[in-house]
């Protein structure tokens, strides 16, 4: 079974491998060009005088954005090109009947086909992940001085999570193909469903996988290396006792907003509504805060995100096996 699957998908696997190699080569080239340009300018890669070479920085940012885009789309391509047709094409062409007629169980047929693609994908993504970590620490973090890998733009393409995301994408495409049994519908469903899952993961699930740090907006200017800015909100001042008749945070914020708007309407010149708003919050023992994931949580979030993806993979495999076992031969 594994040999047959390899023969069916060897061209696609080779093309995706070439894509990975092209990304690695491009990262090496941009790192070398960036370091050479910095040397010609007479500065170190991590110096505070990087602004003097504005042309170099602009070019490095442009090249870095190409690499980031290529890395972000890779799991989607894996799910679309390898995962979607894995089961759907077999069911649509009814070639699965030949394997099942040879005494191969449906579960073994599915798992062997899946493993044939997962193994090279995991190996390629692991090699790519090592290169990405090296590249980010040498180029991306130097270009955007003061940032860290916890920043959302770097977090989504680095660490171990992209490896699990690629395996999830392949399994998601396979699961959708098993449900639909048609290539065209499976491609459309995979295209929409994958990006929906990724959006939910990065927007809601991943930022909540570790405790967030709340930093008051009234604090001094904070460095961007503080962490990943997750959201803005409000909280009661530390140490404030919450009584049974105390208004909720939401109602107080709405009350202060109304007062600020009324103050703005009564003024002829305007411009003090923000001060009125902040003073109102202060009088009710509230403070506006930013919620961060600190840089120290980078690997915690990476491993937990990978765990979530792998749990989804297990669920998708179980669903695929259940669907295939119920298909009429």
Foldseek 3Di string as FASTA:
>chain_A
DLVVLCVVCVVVLVVLLVLLVVLLVLLVVLLVVLCVVCVVVVHDLQDPPVVVPVVSLVVLVVSVVVSLVSLLCSLLCLLLRQQQCLQLVCLLVVVVVVVVVVVDDLLNSSVSSLVSSLVSLLVSLVVSQVSLVVSCVRRVCSSVDQADCQALSNLSRHDDLSSLSSSLSNLQSNLLSLVVSHRVVSSVCSVVVSVVVVCCCSQPPLVPLDAWDKDFPPDDDDTNLFAYFRDKDKDAAPPDDDDPPQDDPVVQLVVLLVVLVVVQVPDPVGDCSVVSSQVSCVVSRMTIITIGDGPVCSVVSSVVSSVVSVVSSVVSSVSSSVSSVPDDD
